[in-house]
Amino acid sequence: MNGLFGLNGLGGFIIAVVLLLAIVFGLGYSAVITQSAEANNPYAIENPNTLQMRSAGNAQHYKALK
C-alpha cells in the first residue's frame, strides 16, 4: 500500500490519532465560540400558538430583541 495513505504501523496510527484529535478540538472550539457569541443575542417568538410542527413558515415568528 504505497501512496498517499501508505503509512502503516505506529507512525500511521499516531498521524491518524493526531488528525482526529485536531478535528475534534477544532470543531469543539468553533462550537464554544459560536455559543458564546449567540448567548448575547436574545430572541422572542411572536404568537407561538400559530407555529406548526414542521413548517418553513415558522421562521417568520422569530424576532431578535436587539
PDB file of N, CA and C in Angstrom:
ATOM      1  N   MET A   1       0.845  -1.174   0.000  1.00  0.00           N
ATOM      2  CA  MET A   1       0.000   0.000   0.000  1.00  0.00           C
ATOM      3  C   MET A   1       0.890   1.238   0.000  1.00  0.00           C
ATOM      4  N   ASN A   2       1.473   1.515  -1.102  1.00  0.00           N
ATOM      5  CA  ASN A   2       2.309   2.711  -1.235  1.00  0.00           C
ATOM      6  C   ASN A   2       1.491   3.809  -1.885  1.00  0.00           C
ATOM      7  N   GLY A   3       1.628   4.987  -1.380  1.00  0.00           N
ATOM      8  CA  GLY A   3       0.879   6.108  -1.929  1.00  0.00           C
ATOM      9  C   GLY A   3       0.589   7.121  -0.846  1.00  0.00           C
ATOM     10  N   LEU A   4      -0.482   7.843  -1.025  1.00  0.00           N
ATOM     11  CA  LEU A   4      -0.824   8.931  -0.114  1.00  0.00           C
ATOM     12  C   LEU A   4      -1.128   8.430   1.293  1.00  0.00           C
ATOM     13  N   PHE A   5      -1.864   7.328   1.404  1.00  0.00           N
ATOM     14  CA  PHE A   5      -2.228   6.789   2.701  1.00  0.00           C
ATOM     15  C   PHE A   5      -1.443   5.510   2.993  1.00  0.00           C
ATOM     16  N   GLY A   6      -0.223   5.445   2.560  1.00  0.00           N
ATOM     17  CA  GLY A   6       0.569   4.238   2.692  1.00  0.00           C
ATOM     18  C   GLY A   6       1.313   4.103   4.001  1.00  0.00           C
ATOM     19  N   LEU A   7       1.036   4.922   4.986  1.00  0.00           N
ATOM     20  CA  LEU A   7       1.736   4.805   6.259  1.00  0.00           C
ATOM     21  C   LEU A   7       1.091   3.698   7.086  1.00  0.00           C
ATOM     22  N   ASN A   8       1.882   2.704   7.411  1.00  0.00           N
ATOM     23  CA  ASN A   8       1.401   1.593   8.211  1.00  0.00           C
ATOM     24  C   ASN A   8       2.146   1.579   9.542  1.00  0.00           C
ATOM     25  N   GLY A   9       1.587   0.919  10.497  1.00  0.00           N
ATOM     26  CA  GLY A   9       2.268   0.753  11.766  1.00  0.00           C
ATOM     27  C   GLY A   9       2.018   1.908  12.710  1.00  0.00           C
ATOM     28  N   LEU A  10       2.968   2.093  13.608  1.00  0.00           N
ATOM     29  CA  LEU A  10       2.822   3.079  14.672  1.00  0.00           C
ATOM     30  C   LEU A  10       2.806   4.513  14.134  1.00  0.00           C
ATOM     31  N   GLY A  11       3.573   4.796  13.113  1.00  0.00           N
ATOM     32  CA  GLY A  11       3.598   6.148  12.543  1.00  0.00           C
ATOM     33  C   GLY A  11       2.256   6.551  11.962  1.00  0.00           C
ATOM     34  N   GLY A  12       1.633   5.660  11.232  1.00  0.00           N
ATOM     35  CA  GLY A  12       0.315   5.935  10.667  1.00  0.00           C
ATOM     36  C   GLY A  12      -0.742   6.069  11.734  1.00  0.00           C
ATOM     37  N   PHE A  13      -0.632   5.241  12.786  1.00  0.00           N
ATOM     38  CA  PHE A  13      -1.579   5.329  13.898  1.00  0.00           C
ATOM     39  C   PHE A  13      -1.474   6.677  14.598  1.00  0.00           C
ATOM     40  N   ILE A  14      -0.262   7.129  14.843  1.00  0.00           N
ATOM     41  CA  ILE A  14      -0.066   8.418  15.527  1.00  0.00           C
ATOM     42  C   ILE A  14      -0.588   9.563  14.668  1.00  0.00           C
ATOM     43  N   ILE A  15      -0.335   9.504  13.384  1.00  0.00           N
ATOM     44  CA  ILE A  15      -0.830  10.547  12.482  1.00  0.00           C
ATOM     45  C   ILE A  15      -2.358  10.560  12.469  1.00  0.00           C
ATOM     46  N   ALA A  16      -2.976   9.384  12.433  1.00  0.00           N
ATOM     47  CA  ALA A  16      -4.438   9.312  12.417  1.00  0.00           C
ATOM     48  C   ALA A  16      -5.032   9.845  13.716  1.00  0.00           C
ATOM     49  N   VAL A  17      -4.427   9.488  14.851  1.00  0.00           N
ATOM     50  CA  VAL A  17      -4.930   9.958  16.141  1.00  0.00           C
ATOM     51  C   VAL A  17      -4.775  11.466  16.262  1.00  0.00           C
ATOM     52  N   VAL A  18      -3.640  11.999  15.871  1.00  0.00           N
ATOM     53  CA  VAL A  18      -3.419  13.443  15.943  1.00  0.00           C
ATOM     54  C   VAL A  18      -4.387  14.178  15.019  1.00  0.00           C
ATOM     55  N   LEU A  19      -4.635  13.641  13.850  1.00  0.00           N
ATOM     56  CA  LEU A  19      -5.571  14.264  12.919  1.00  0.00           C
ATOM     57  C   LEU A  19      -6.984  14.262  13.492  1.00  0.00           C
ATOM     58  N   LEU A  20      -7.423  13.149  14.047  1.00  0.00           N
ATOM     59  CA  LEU A  20      -8.760  13.085  14.628  1.00  0.00           C
ATOM     60  C   LEU A  20      -8.897  14.006  15.835  1.00  0.00           C
ATOM     61  N   LEU A  21      -7.878  14.064  16.682  1.00  0.00           N
ATOM     62  CA  LEU A  21      -7.937  14.966  17.833  1.00  0.00           C
ATOM     63  C   LEU A  21      -7.956  16.428  17.402  1.00  0.00           C
ATOM     64  N   ALA A  22      -7.217  16.756  16.357  1.00  0.00           N
ATOM     65  CA  ALA A  22      -7.227  18.121  15.849  1.00  0.00           C
ATOM     66  C   ALA A  22      -8.604  18.497  15.324  1.00  0.00           C
ATOM     67  N   ILE A  23      -9.267  17.569  14.640  1.00  0.00           N
ATOM     68  CA  ILE A  23     -10.614  17.827  14.141  1.00  0.00           C
ATOM     69  C   ILE A  23     -11.590  18.019  15.295  1.00  0.00           C
ATOM     70  N   VAL A  24     -11.499  17.149  16.313  1.00  0.00           N
ATOM     71  CA  VAL A  24     -12.404  17.248  17.464  1.00  0.00           C
ATOM     72  C   VAL A  24     -12.198  18.561  18.204  1.00  0.00           C
ATOM     73  N   PHE A  25     -10.952  18.918  18.465  1.00  0.00           N
ATOM     74  CA  PHE A  25     -10.694  20.171  19.174  1.00  0.00           C
ATOM     75  C   PHE A  25     -11.069  21.387  18.336  1.00  0.00           C
ATOM     76  N   GLY A  26     -10.856  21.324  17.029  1.00  0.00           N
ATOM     77  CA  GLY A  26     -11.235  22.438  16.163  1.00  0.00           C
ATOM     78  C   GLY A  26     -12.736  22.652  16.130  1.00  0.00           C
ATOM     79  N   LEU A  27     -13.498  21.571  15.998  1.00  0.00           N
ATOM     80  CA  LEU A  27     -14.952  21.698  15.992  1.00  0.00           C
ATOM     81  C   LEU A  27     -15.481  22.101  17.360  1.00  0.00           C
ATOM     82  N   GLY A  28     -14.876  21.593  18.415  1.00  0.00           N
ATOM     83  CA  GLY A  28     -15.283  21.988  19.764  1.00  0.00           C
ATOM     84  C   GLY A  28     -15.019  23.453  20.022  1.00  0.00           C
ATOM     85  N   TYR A  29     -13.867  23.933  19.579  1.00  0.00           N
ATOM     86  CA  TYR A  29     -13.532  25.344  19.755  1.00  0.00           C
ATOM     87  C   TYR A  29     -14.503  26.238  18.988  1.00  0.00           C
ATOM     88  N   SER A  30     -14.823  25.852  17.757  1.00  0.00           N
ATOM     89  CA  SER A  30     -15.763  26.666  16.985  1.00  0.00           C
ATOM     90  C   SER A  30     -17.170  26.625  17.606  1.00  0.00           C
ATOM     91  N   ALA A  31     -17.541  25.510  18.223  1.00  0.00           N
ATOM     92  CA  ALA A  31     -18.840  25.432  18.894  1.00  0.00           C
ATOM     93  C   ALA A  31     -18.881  26.348  20.111  1.00  0.00           C
ATOM     94  N   VAL A  32     -17.803  26.403  20.867  1.00  0.00           N
ATOM     95  CA  VAL A  32     -17.752  27.283  22.042  1.00  0.00           C
ATOM     96  C   VAL A  32     -17.794  28.742  21.615  1.00  0.00           C
ATOM     97  N   ILE A  33     -17.080  29.097  20.576  1.00  0.00           N
ATOM     98  CA  ILE A  33     -17.076  30.474  20.075  1.00  0.00           C
ATOM     99  C   ILE A  33     -18.469  30.860  19.577  1.00  0.00           C
ATOM    100  N   THR A  34     -19.114  29.983  18.837  1.00  0.00           N
ATOM    101  CA  THR A  34     -20.456  30.257  18.331  1.00  0.00           C
ATOM    102  C   THR A  34     -21.458  30.393  19.467  1.00  0.00           C
ATOM    103  N   GLN A  35     -21.363  29.505  20.455  1.00  0.00           N
ATOM    104  CA  GLN A  35     -22.288  29.558  21.580  1.00  0.00           C
ATOM    105  C   GLN A  35     -22.118  30.841  22.375  1.00  0.00           C
ATOM    106  N   SER A  36     -20.878  31.247  22.621  1.00  0.00           N
ATOM    107  CA  SER A  36     -20.661  32.479  23.396  1.00  0.00           C
ATOM    108  C   SER A  36     -21.091  33.714  22.618  1.00  0.00           C
ATOM    109  N   ALA A  37     -20.996  33.687  21.299  1.00  0.00           N
ATOM    110  CA  ALA A  37     -21.448  34.826  20.501  1.00  0.00           C
ATOM    111  C   ALA A  37     -22.970  34.903  20.466  1.00  0.00           C
ATOM    112  N   GLU A  38     -23.633  33.780  20.380  1.00  0.00           N
ATOM    113  CA  GLU A  38     -25.087  33.770  20.286  1.00  0.00           C
ATOM    114  C   GLU A  38     -25.771  33.881  21.645  1.00  0.00           C
ATOM    115  N   ALA A  39     -25.043  33.690  22.728  1.00  0.00           N
ATOM    116  CA  ALA A  39     -25.633  33.816  24.062  1.00  0.00           C
ATOM    117  C   ALA A  39     -26.036  35.254  24.356  1.00  0.00           C
ATOM    118  N   ASN A  40     -25.444  36.198  23.659  1.00  0.00           N
ATOM    119  CA  ASN A  40     -25.745  37.609  23.861  1.00  0.00           C
ATOM    120  C   ASN A  40     -26.778  38.136  22.879  1.00  0.00           C
ATOM    121  N   ASN A  41     -27.402  37.276  22.117  1.00  0.00           N
ATOM    122  CA  ASN A  41     -28.417  37.667  21.142  1.00  0.00           C
ATOM    123  C   ASN A  41     -29.754  37.026  21.511  1.00  0.00           C
ATOM    124  N   PRO A  42     -30.489  37.609  22.443  1.00  0.00           N
ATOM    125  CA  PRO A  42     -31.772  37.003  22.810  1.00  0.00           C
ATOM    126  C   PRO A  42     -32.790  37.147  21.676  1.00  0.00           C
ATOM    127  N   TYR A  43     -33.786  36.299  21.708  1.00  0.00           N
ATOM    128  CA  TYR A  43     -34.833  36.341  20.688  1.00  0.00           C
ATOM    129  C   TYR A  43     -36.168  36.055  21.349  1.00  0.00           C
ATOM    130  N   ALA A  44     -37.204  36.371  20.651  1.00  0.00           N
ATOM    131  CA  ALA A  44     -38.565  36.097  21.112  1.00  0.00           C
ATOM    132  C   ALA A  44     -39.332  35.453  19.968  1.00  0.00           C
ATOM    133  N   ILE A  45     -40.303  34.647  20.324  1.00  0.00           N
ATOM    134  CA  ILE A  45     -41.170  34.032  19.329  1.00  0.00           C
ATOM    135  C   ILE A  45     -42.524  34.724  19.419  1.00  0.00           C
ATOM    136  N   GLU A  46     -42.895  35.391  18.334  1.00  0.00           N
ATOM    137  CA  GLU A  46     -44.158  36.105  18.294  1.00  0.00           C
ATOM    138  C   GLU A  46     -45.283  35.130  17.982  1.00  0.00           C
ATOM    139  N   ASN A  47     -46.319  35.163  18.775  1.00  0.00           N
ATOM    140  CA  ASN A  47     -47.511  34.347  18.600  1.00  0.00           C
ATOM    141  C   ASN A  47     -47.171  32.854  18.457  1.00  0.00           C
ATOM    142  N   PRO A  48     -46.694  32.234  19.532  1.00  0.00           N
ATOM    143  CA  PRO A  48     -46.275  30.823  19.444  1.00  0.00           C
ATOM    144  C   PRO A  48     -47.426  29.858  19.201  1.00  0.00           C
ATOM    145  N   ASN A  49     -48.669  30.292  19.366  1.00  0.00           N
ATOM    146  CA  ASN A  49     -49.803  29.399  19.145  1.00  0.00           C
ATOM    147  C   ASN A  49     -50.027  29.086  17.664  1.00  0.00           C
ATOM    148  N   THR A  50     -49.467  29.896  16.776  1.00  0.00           N
ATOM    149  CA  THR A  50     -49.663  29.666  15.344  1.00  0.00           C
ATOM    150  C   THR A  50     -48.547  28.830  14.732  1.00  0.00           C
ATOM    151  N   LEU A  51     -47.582  28.394  15.524  1.00  0.00           N
ATOM    152  CA  LEU A  51     -46.490  27.582  14.990  1.00  0.00           C
ATOM    153  C   LEU A  51     -46.998  26.198  14.611  1.00  0.00           C
ATOM    154  N   GLN A  52     -46.499  25.704  13.503  1.00  0.00           N
ATOM    155  CA  GLN A  52     -46.840  24.357  13.064  1.00  0.00           C
ATOM    156  C   GLN A  52     -45.667  23.435  13.353  1.00  0.00           C
ATOM    157  N   MET A  53     -45.931  22.131  13.409  1.00  0.00           N
ATOM    158  CA  MET A  53     -44.881  21.198  13.786  1.00  0.00           C
ATOM    159  C   MET A  53     -43.718  21.218  12.801  1.00  0.00           C
ATOM    160  N   ARG A  54     -44.000  21.108  11.524  1.00  0.00           N
ATOM    161  CA  ARG A  54     -42.947  21.112  10.505  1.00  0.00           C
ATOM    162  C   ARG A  54     -43.350  22.080   9.414  1.00  0.00           C
ATOM    163  N   SER A  55     -42.797  23.273   9.489  1.00  0.00           N
ATOM    164  CA  SER A  55     -43.157  24.280   8.503  1.00  0.00           C
ATOM    165  C   SER A  55     -41.998  25.248   8.326  1.00  0.00           C
ATOM    166  N   ALA A  56     -41.702  25.579   7.090  1.00  0.00           N
ATOM    167  CA  ALA A  56     -40.670  26.562   6.818  1.00  0.00           C
ATOM    168  C   ALA A  56     -41.152  27.968   7.168  1.00  0.00           C
ATOM    169  N   GLY A  57     -42.448  28.150   7.280  1.00  0.00           N
ATOM    170  CA  GLY A  57     -43.006  29.445   7.627  1.00  0.00           C
ATOM    171  C   GLY A  57     -42.819  29.818   9.088  1.00  0.00           C
ATOM    172  N   ASN A  58     -42.339  28.901   9.906  1.00  0.00           N
ATOM    173  CA  ASN A  58     -42.110  29.203  11.317  1.00  0.00           C
ATOM    174  C   ASN A  58     -41.010  30.252  11.518  1.00  0.00           C
ATOM    175  N   ALA A  59     -40.162  30.441  10.532  1.00  0.00           N
ATOM    176  CA  ALA A  59     -39.093  31.431  10.652  1.00  0.00           C
ATOM    177  C   ALA A  59     -39.644  32.845  10.712  1.00  0.00           C
ATOM    178  N   GLN A  60     -40.867  33.067  10.287  1.00  0.00           N
ATOM    179  CA  GLN A  60     -41.478  34.404  10.348  1.00  0.00           C
ATOM    180  C   GLN A  60     -41.759  34.829  11.778  1.00  0.00           C
ATOM    181  N   HIS A  61     -41.884  33.891  12.692  1.00  0.00           N
ATOM    182  CA  HIS A  61     -42.255  34.197  14.069  1.00  0.00           C
ATOM    183  C   HIS A  61     -41.035  34.496  14.948  1.00  0.00           C
ATOM    184  N   TYR A  62     -39.849  34.307  14.426  1.00  0.00           N
ATOM    185  CA  TYR A  62     -38.617  34.571  15.158  1.00  0.00           C
ATOM    186  C   TYR A  62     -38.273  36.047  15.088  1.00  0.00           C
ATOM    187  N   LYS A  63     -37.986  36.660  16.224  1.00  0.00           N
ATOM    188  CA  LYS A  63     -37.648  38.074  16.247  1.00  0.00           C
ATOM    189  C   LYS A  63     -36.488  38.284  17.206  1.00  0.00           C
ATOM    190  N   ALA A  64     -35.397  38.867  16.702  1.00  0.00           N
ATOM    191  CA  ALA A  64     -34.255  39.186  17.551  1.00  0.00           C
ATOM    192  C   ALA A  64     -34.606  40.416  18.368  1.00  0.00           C
ATOM    193  N   LEU A  65     -34.247  40.409  19.649  1.00  0.00           N
ATOM    194  CA  LEU A  65     -34.597  41.513  20.528  1.00  0.00           C
ATOM    195  C   LEU A  65     -33.604  42.666  20.490  1.00  0.00           C
ATOM    196  N   LYS A  66     -32.485  42.504  19.856  1.00  0.00           N
ATOM    197  CA  LYS A  66     -31.518  43.612  19.776  1.00  0.00           C
ATOM    198  C   LYS A  66     -31.752  44.461  18.582  1.00  0.00           C
TER     199      LYS A  66
END
